[in-house]
Structure formats: structure tokens, C-alpha cells
Protein backbone atom coordinates (compact mmCIF):
# COMPACT_ATOMS: atom_id res chain seq x y z
CA MET A 1 -30.44 35.25 -20.09
CA MET A 2 -28.38 33.17 -17.69
CA LEU A 3 -27.15 29.86 -19.03
CA THR A 4 -26.83 26.96 -16.63
CA THR A 5 -24.93 23.77 -17.03
CA SER A 6 -25.16 20.54 -15.12
CA ALA A 7 -22.68 17.73 -14.67
CA PRO A 8 -23.21 14.76 -16.97
CA ALA A 9 -25.09 11.87 -15.48
CA ALA A 10 -22.85 9.24 -13.93
CA PRO A 11 -22.48 6.18 -16.17
CA ALA A 12 -24.51 3.18 -15.12
CA ILE A 13 -22.73 0.58 -13.03
CA ARG A 14 -22.74 -2.76 -14.82
CA HIS A 15 -22.07 -6.36 -13.86
CA ASP A 16 -22.46 -7.92 -17.31
CA TRP A 17 -19.25 -7.01 -19.11
CA THR A 18 -17.76 -9.24 -21.78
CA VAL A 19 -14.04 -9.77 -22.24
CA GLU A 20 -14.35 -8.34 -25.73
CA GLU A 21 -15.91 -5.12 -24.43
CA ILE A 22 -13.21 -4.67 -21.82
CA ARG A 23 -10.45 -5.42 -24.32
CA ALA A 24 -11.91 -2.79 -26.68
CA ILE A 25 -11.85 -0.21 -23.87
CA HIS A 26 -8.28 -1.14 -22.90
CA ASP A 27 -7.12 -0.73 -26.51
CA LEU A 28 -8.61 2.73 -27.10
CA PRO A 29 -6.16 5.45 -28.15
CA LEU A 30 -4.44 6.36 -24.90
CA LEU A 31 -5.61 9.96 -24.69
CA ASP A 32 -9.21 8.90 -25.37
CA LEU A 33 -8.95 6.14 -22.77
CA VAL A 34 -7.55 8.44 -20.09
CA PHE A 35 -10.17 11.12 -20.84
CA ARG A 36 -12.99 8.58 -20.59
CA ALA A 37 -11.62 7.09 -17.38
CA ALA A 38 -11.11 10.53 -15.82
CA SER A 39 -14.70 11.45 -16.68
CA VAL A 40 -16.04 8.27 -15.06
CA HIS A 41 -13.81 8.81 -12.05
CA ARG A 42 -15.04 12.35 -11.45
CA ALA A 43 -18.66 11.30 -11.90
CA HIS A 44 -18.37 8.79 -9.05
CA ASN A 45 -15.49 9.92 -6.84
CA ASP A 46 -13.70 12.92 -5.40
CA PRO A 47 -10.43 13.09 -7.40
CA ALA A 48 -8.68 14.66 -4.41
CA ASP A 49 -9.46 11.61 -2.24
CA ILE A 50 -6.38 9.40 -2.62
CA GLN A 51 -6.25 6.79 0.12
CA ARG A 52 -2.91 5.92 1.71
CA ALA A 53 -2.56 2.34 2.87
CA SER A 54 0.38 0.92 4.81
CA LEU A 55 1.33 -2.75 4.35
CA LEU A 56 3.20 -5.00 6.79
CA SER A 57 4.32 -8.60 6.42
CA ILE A 58 3.31 -10.14 9.74
CA LYS A 59 4.52 -13.65 8.81
CA THR A 60 7.17 -13.89 6.11
CA GLY A 61 8.47 -16.79 3.99
CA GLY A 62 7.92 -20.52 3.86
CA CYS A 63 4.64 -20.38 1.95
CA PRO A 64 3.63 -23.80 0.51
CA GLU A 65 2.10 -22.22 -2.60
CA ASP A 66 4.19 -22.11 -5.79
CA CYS A 67 3.16 -18.70 -7.18
CA ALA A 68 5.81 -18.02 -9.84
CA TYR A 69 6.17 -14.35 -8.94
CA CYS A 70 6.51 -14.70 -5.18
CA PRO A 71 9.83 -14.79 -3.28
CA GLN A 72 8.01 -16.09 -0.19
CA SER A 73 7.25 -19.44 -1.82
CA ALA A 74 9.06 -22.38 -0.25
CA HIS A 75 9.33 -23.82 -3.77
CA HIS A 76 11.75 -21.08 -4.88
CA LYS A 77 14.96 -21.90 -3.04
CA GLY A 78 17.08 -19.32 -4.84
CA THR A 79 15.41 -16.26 -3.34
CA GLY A 80 17.17 -16.54 0.00
CA MET A 81 13.93 -15.73 1.79
CA ALA A 82 14.02 -17.07 5.34
CA LYS A 83 10.92 -18.48 6.99
CA GLU A 84 9.86 -16.36 9.94
CA ARG A 85 7.32 -16.78 12.71
CA LEU A 86 4.19 -14.68 13.11
CA MET A 87 5.02 -11.29 14.61
CA PRO A 88 3.81 -10.61 18.16
CA VAL A 89 0.57 -8.63 18.41
CA ASP A 90 2.14 -5.73 20.28
CA ALA A 91 4.87 -5.34 17.66
CA VAL A 92 2.31 -5.23 14.87
CA LEU A 93 0.23 -2.64 16.69
CA ARG A 94 3.30 -0.46 17.21
CA GLU A 95 3.85 -0.53 13.46
CA ALA A 96 0.19 0.34 12.92
CA ALA A 97 0.42 3.32 15.28
CA GLU A 98 3.49 4.59 13.42
CA ALA A 99 1.69 4.20 10.09
CA LYS A 100 -1.30 6.16 11.38
CA ALA A 101 0.98 8.93 12.63
CA ALA A 102 2.54 9.11 9.16
CA GLY A 103 -0.86 9.55 7.50
CA ALA A 104 -2.17 6.05 6.76
CA HIS A 105 -5.90 5.58 6.38
CA ARG A 106 -5.68 1.78 6.16
CA PHE A 107 -3.30 -0.73 7.74
CA CYS A 108 -2.85 -3.97 5.81
CA MET A 109 -1.29 -7.14 7.21
CA GLY A 110 -0.06 -10.08 5.15
CA ALA A 111 0.86 -13.61 6.26
CA ALA A 112 2.54 -16.15 3.97
CA TRP A 113 0.07 -18.97 4.51
CA ARG A 114 -1.86 -21.17 2.11
CA GLN A 115 -4.73 -21.01 4.60
CA PRO A 116 -4.64 -20.03 8.28
CA LYS A 117 -5.18 -22.73 10.88
CA ASP A 118 -7.62 -22.14 13.70
CA GLY A 119 -5.78 -21.75 16.96
CA PRO A 120 -3.39 -19.32 18.67
CA GLU A 121 -1.99 -17.76 15.48
CA PHE A 122 -5.41 -17.04 14.01
CA ASP A 123 -6.51 -15.69 17.39
CA ALA A 124 -3.47 -13.38 17.32
CA VAL A 125 -4.49 -12.07 13.89
CA LEU A 126 -7.97 -11.34 15.27
CA ALA A 127 -6.34 -9.36 18.09
CA MET A 128 -4.31 -7.41 15.53
CA VAL A 129 -7.48 -6.54 13.61
CA ARG A 130 -9.24 -5.38 16.75
CA GLY A 131 -6.22 -3.30 17.72
CA VAL A 132 -5.96 -1.58 14.34
CA ARG A 133 -9.68 -0.84 14.29
CA GLY A 134 -9.37 0.55 17.80
CA MET A 135 -6.93 3.13 16.43
CA GLY A 136 -9.56 4.41 14.03
CA MET A 137 -7.98 2.96 10.88
CA GLU A 138 -9.37 0.56 8.33
CA ALA A 139 -7.92 -2.95 8.73
CA CYS A 140 -7.14 -5.33 5.88
CA VAL A 141 -5.49 -8.75 5.99
CA THR A 142 -4.34 -11.28 3.42
CA LEU A 143 -3.93 -14.77 4.85
CA GLY A 144 -4.63 -17.07 1.90
CA MET A 145 -7.79 -19.13 1.56
CA LEU A 146 -10.49 -18.77 4.22
CA THR A 147 -13.30 -20.99 5.43
CA PRO A 148 -16.73 -19.42 6.01
CA SER A 149 -16.16 -19.74 9.77
CA GLN A 150 -12.82 -17.91 9.61
CA ALA A 151 -14.32 -15.16 7.49
CA GLY A 152 -17.10 -14.80 10.04
CA ARG A 153 -14.65 -14.48 12.93
CA LEU A 154 -12.68 -11.82 11.06
CA ALA A 155 -15.92 -9.92 10.46
CA GLU A 156 -16.74 -10.08 14.17
CA ALA A 157 -13.27 -8.66 14.94
CA GLY A 158 -14.12 -5.66 12.76
CA LEU A 159 -12.09 -6.43 9.62
CA THR A 160 -12.73 -3.81 6.97
CA SER A 161 -11.39 -5.64 3.94
CA TYR A 162 -9.83 -8.95 2.90
CA ASN A 163 -7.19 -9.05 0.17
CA HIS A 164 -7.21 -12.09 -2.09
CA ASN A 165 -5.96 -11.29 -5.58
CA LEU A 166 -6.96 -13.24 -8.68
CA ASP A 167 -3.48 -12.41 -10.08
CA THR A 168 -4.48 -12.90 -13.73
CA GLY A 169 -7.24 -14.14 -16.03
CA PRO A 170 -8.60 -17.69 -15.78
CA ASP A 171 -6.85 -19.00 -18.90
CA PHE A 172 -3.35 -17.87 -17.87
CA TYR A 173 -3.67 -18.76 -14.20
CA GLU A 174 -2.24 -22.30 -14.44
CA ASP A 175 0.91 -20.90 -16.05
CA ILE A 176 1.61 -19.05 -12.79
CA ILE A 177 0.21 -21.23 -9.97
CA SER A 178 -0.41 -24.96 -9.67
CA THR A 179 -1.04 -25.42 -5.93
CA ARG A 180 -4.52 -23.92 -5.91
CA THR A 181 -7.19 -23.39 -8.54
CA TYR A 182 -8.98 -20.33 -9.79
CA ALA A 183 -12.14 -21.81 -8.29
CA ASP A 184 -10.40 -21.91 -4.89
CA ARG A 185 -9.75 -18.20 -5.12
CA LEU A 186 -13.32 -17.43 -6.14
CA GLN A 187 -14.64 -19.52 -3.25
CA THR A 188 -12.63 -17.48 -0.74
CA LEU A 189 -14.00 -14.28 -2.28
CA GLU A 190 -17.51 -15.67 -1.84
CA ASN A 191 -16.82 -16.64 1.79
CA VAL A 192 -15.49 -13.14 2.52
CA ARG A 193 -18.43 -11.42 0.86
CA GLU A 194 -20.95 -13.65 2.66
CA ALA A 195 -19.38 -12.60 5.98
CA GLY A 196 -19.98 -8.94 5.14
CA ILE A 197 -16.30 -8.02 4.71
CA GLY A 198 -15.15 -5.74 1.90
CA LEU A 199 -13.13 -7.24 -0.93
CA CYS A 200 -9.66 -6.13 -1.99
CA CYS A 201 -8.96 -8.06 -5.17
CA GLY A 202 -6.87 -7.31 -8.23
CA GLY A 203 -3.98 -8.70 -10.19
CA ILE A 204 -0.46 -8.44 -11.57
CA VAL A 205 0.67 -7.10 -14.94
CA GLY A 206 3.87 -8.27 -16.61
CA MET A 207 4.01 -12.01 -15.88
CA GLY A 208 3.90 -12.97 -19.57
CA GLU A 209 0.13 -12.76 -19.93
CA GLY A 210 -1.58 -11.25 -22.96
CA VAL A 211 -3.85 -8.23 -23.03
CA THR A 212 -6.86 -10.53 -23.32
CA ASP A 213 -5.78 -12.22 -20.06
CA ARG A 214 -5.70 -8.81 -18.39
CA ALA A 215 -9.15 -8.01 -19.74
CA ALA A 216 -10.42 -11.40 -18.56
CA MET A 217 -9.22 -10.73 -15.01
CA LEU A 218 -10.99 -7.37 -14.97
CA GLN A 219 -14.12 -9.02 -16.35
CA VAL A 220 -14.25 -11.51 -13.48
CA LEU A 221 -13.92 -8.66 -10.99
CA ALA A 222 -16.32 -6.30 -12.75
CA ASN A 223 -19.03 -8.94 -12.97
CA HIS A 224 -19.05 -9.43 -9.21
CA ALA A 225 -22.08 -7.74 -7.69
CA PRO A 226 -21.18 -5.61 -5.86
CA HIS A 227 -17.78 -4.80 -7.30
CA PRO A 228 -14.74 -5.24 -5.04
CA GLU A 229 -14.31 -2.17 -2.88
CA SER A 230 -10.58 -2.13 -3.68
CA VAL A 231 -8.82 -3.27 -6.87
CA PRO A 232 -5.00 -3.37 -6.63
CA ILE A 233 -3.18 -3.01 -9.94
CA ASN A 234 0.32 -4.45 -9.50
CA ALA A 235 3.29 -4.46 -11.85
CA LEU A 236 5.47 -7.54 -11.53
CA VAL A 237 8.58 -6.98 -9.43
CA ALA A 238 10.87 -9.62 -10.90
CA VAL A 239 12.75 -11.15 -7.94
CA GLU A 240 15.92 -13.15 -8.39
CA GLY A 241 15.36 -16.83 -7.68
CA THR A 242 11.73 -16.89 -8.80
CA PRO A 243 10.62 -18.42 -12.13
CA LEU A 244 9.80 -14.92 -13.39
CA GLU A 245 13.15 -13.35 -12.49
CA ASP A 246 13.98 -12.60 -16.14
CA ARG A 247 10.73 -10.88 -17.08
CA PRO A 248 11.32 -7.39 -18.50
CA PRO A 249 10.03 -4.32 -16.66
CA VAL A 250 6.43 -3.36 -17.29
CA ASP A 251 5.85 -0.41 -19.60
CA PRO A 252 4.40 2.35 -17.38
CA LEU A 253 1.71 3.04 -19.96
CA ASP A 254 0.48 -0.54 -19.50
CA LEU A 255 -0.26 0.36 -15.88
CA VAL A 256 -2.00 3.56 -16.98
CA ARG A 257 -4.19 1.50 -19.32
CA MET A 258 -5.03 -1.01 -16.60
CA CYS A 259 -5.90 1.70 -14.07
CA ALA A 260 -8.06 3.47 -16.62
CA THR A 261 -9.86 0.31 -17.74
CA ALA A 262 -10.47 -0.81 -14.15
CA ARG A 263 -11.90 2.62 -13.37
CA ILE A 264 -14.31 2.51 -16.32
CA VAL A 265 -15.69 -0.96 -15.58
CA MET A 266 -15.70 -0.55 -11.77
CA PRO A 267 -16.55 3.14 -11.31
CA LYS A 268 -16.69 3.31 -7.50
CA ALA A 269 -13.90 0.89 -6.54
CA ARG A 270 -10.65 2.07 -5.00
CA VAL A 271 -8.21 1.47 -7.84
CA ARG A 272 -4.99 0.94 -5.94
CA LEU A 273 -1.67 1.65 -7.65
CA SER A 274 0.32 -1.06 -5.90
CA ALA A 275 3.50 -3.12 -6.42
CA GLY A 276 5.91 -1.81 -9.02
CA ARG A 277 5.13 1.84 -8.36
CA LYS A 278 8.74 2.45 -7.34
CA GLY A 279 9.70 2.01 -11.00
CA LEU A 280 7.34 4.79 -12.15
CA THR A 281 8.31 8.40 -12.63
CA ARG A 282 6.30 11.10 -10.86
CA GLU A 283 4.69 11.90 -14.20
CA ALA A 284 3.62 8.29 -14.80
CA GLN A 285 2.09 8.11 -11.32
CA ILE A 286 0.20 11.35 -11.90
CA LEU A 287 -1.12 9.97 -15.20
CA CYS A 288 -2.39 6.92 -13.30
CA PHE A 289 -4.17 9.23 -10.82
CA LEU A 290 -5.70 11.14 -13.73
CA ALA A 291 -6.86 7.82 -15.17
CA GLY A 292 -8.70 6.93 -11.97
CA ALA A 293 -6.23 5.41 -9.52
CA ASN A 294 -7.20 6.73 -6.09
CA SER A 295 -5.20 4.70 -3.60
CA ILE A 296 -1.54 3.88 -3.02
CA PHE A 297 0.49 1.76 -0.69
CA TYR A 298 3.07 3.91 0.97
CA GLY A 299 5.96 3.08 3.22
CA GLU A 300 9.32 1.71 2.20
CA ARG A 301 8.33 -1.96 1.74
CA LEU A 302 5.45 -3.95 0.28
CA LEU A 303 5.63 -7.25 2.14
CA THR A 304 9.11 -8.18 0.80
CA THR A 305 9.79 -5.78 -2.10
CA ALA A 306 10.85 -2.14 -2.08
CA ASN A 307 8.35 0.68 -2.35
CA ASN A 308 8.51 4.46 -2.66
CA GLU A 309 9.80 6.31 0.39
CA THR A 310 7.27 8.19 2.48
CA ASP A 311 8.93 11.56 1.91
CA SER A 312 8.78 11.24 -1.88
CA ASP A 313 5.12 10.25 -1.68
CA ALA A 314 4.39 13.20 0.59
CA ALA A 315 6.05 15.54 -1.86
CA LEU A 316 4.19 14.02 -4.82
CA LEU A 317 0.81 14.32 -3.14
CA ARG A 318 1.57 17.85 -1.98
CA ASP A 319 2.60 18.89 -5.48
CA ILE A 320 -0.66 17.69 -7.02
CA GLY A 321 -2.69 19.46 -4.34
CA ILE A 322 -3.58 16.57 -2.01
CA THR A 323 -3.60 17.43 1.70
CA VAL A 324 -1.56 15.01 3.81
CA ALA A 325 -0.99 14.61 7.54
CA ALA A 326 1.52 16.90 9.24
CA PRO A 327 4.09 14.14 10.04
CA MET A 328 4.05 13.07 6.41
CA MET A 329 4.50 16.67 5.28
CA GLU A 330 7.41 17.13 7.69
CA ALA A 331 9.11 14.10 6.15
CA ALA A 332 9.05 15.81 2.76
CA GLU A 333 10.53 19.09 3.97
């Protein structure tokens, strides 16, 4: 008699998580947590599909927000970050073409604004979005808060996704930022979603928050319906001159736990291993992939902080059996 087996049914997707439930998942014994997350990941996603996104700062420095972690804030004079003008459209599109040639699936553009003003600069960003989409790549921007009208214009330009991180849980938020409220952030997410643009929204680990704050951030995201399409998990990069310059490095296993927990509560989202990855060993990165991370930023900078070099990423992906573009492979050889 022939025995047949079938894959277990994919866990139901929920939008009614409590902080206590998410905290209990996060605090599972690590091997149990990673096994559970890997099972959820494989039930909903192809584990060999790891998206590569390239990130470019198109307007650097001089931001009026006071985010305690950010060297681009005009409030943090000791960072030495100069205020720069918006990059020309053609220069941005050259960078996008180079990123595509190196294997990028998505091109992300960040501008250090509190909120973009309608006018020539916003029109230039729309042209950048159209240009990136014309190359056959996904386009993502992060520009600060958006009005419904601005979100609509970005949608018309073909924007794939808008990045607007929550950073942390609601109760810890005021310890990190005072120039905008948590409600402001949630309103921008609503404006983006109403325009039909995908959401890229996550947070930062290592700013002095507690585990419950981390669980609370994931709860806010997981109770959005639908879930954000992309959830960046960042480790704080402590930059000299910022209020958080003396924070200790994040334990790599904290990132593994966050990736795994995000995967369990948001089964189909792209869990993006983001800032701070340069401080992880190859083995720690692979453990994050096993736990459900399925996207990375690659390229040597993330806005203003260092990132893994393309050749090391190409070698890592090759060694775990992920097919990458020929130019990226050549960089590793």
C-alpha cells in the first residue's frame, strides 16, 4: 500500500493579535520559535525567494524631525551631517540602472523631509518613480508624512510601496521622537493604503525599548488589514552625535527573534533584514533567513550608514543556494 503525505494547512492569517500573545511567541525557546517561524514561512512563501532591494538617499540631511537615532536630524549638531539638495532625476535614474544591473528587484529612494511640499521637488520625485518603474523594477520611496493628494499622485506615477516606519511601540515612541505623534504616522499609513500603494513599515530594535514595546509595534502592524507588504526589521546603528550614540550593539539573536515573530504574525509579508545587518555574521544572517526573513537591502550604504558589500552578499546568497544575477555573481568571484 502506498502511503501519501500532504503539506500541513497554512496557518490562518489573523488581524486580532494581542500584545500578550505576540510577547509569548517572541519569548518561546529559540529553537522552538525558529522552527515555528520556518514552518509558517514555508507554508506561505518560497524560501528561495529572497528579494534584493537597493536604497539611495536622494535628499540628505537637514531634517526638522528630532528622531533620536537619526544622523540626518537638524537637531543633532554633532553628527557632522551636511544638508544637501535633492538629487537630479537623471542622476537618480543612473543609480537605479546600476542597481538593476547588479541584481536589485526594488529601488528605494529616501528624502530627509518631515513632509514633502507640492511643487518642483515633489514633481521630480514623481519623475524618479516613473523612471524606476519604466526599468521594470519595483519603486519605493520614503518622504515623511503624506497628504491623501500626495499619496494619490504617487500612486498615479506607479509607486509600488511607501516606507513609513513606526520605529517602536506606542508607549515608547515619545522617548524617541517629539516632533510628530504616533497618530501622525498611522494617518500617513492610512493615506498610503487608501491610494492603493503597498506599505513598507517596520521598526528599530536596540533603542532602549523593552520586549513588550517590540511586541506592541508588531501588534500594531499585524492588526492592519491587510498586513504591510514589507516589514523592515532594523537594528540600531548608533551614530556619534545622536542621543543614542552610546547604546550597546544589538544581540544578533534579538534580530532572529524579531524576524521570527514578525513572520509568525504576518505570514505573507516581506520580512526585510535591514539596518544593522553589517554587524551580523554570515551564520546569524542565515538564521534570520531560516526564521522567515526574505528580503535584504544590499549595496554599500543604507541612506547614511554602512551596509554589507555587494560581493559578500552575492557570496552569501550563492552559498545558501539562491540564484543571483550574473553581474552580482561576478562581483563575488
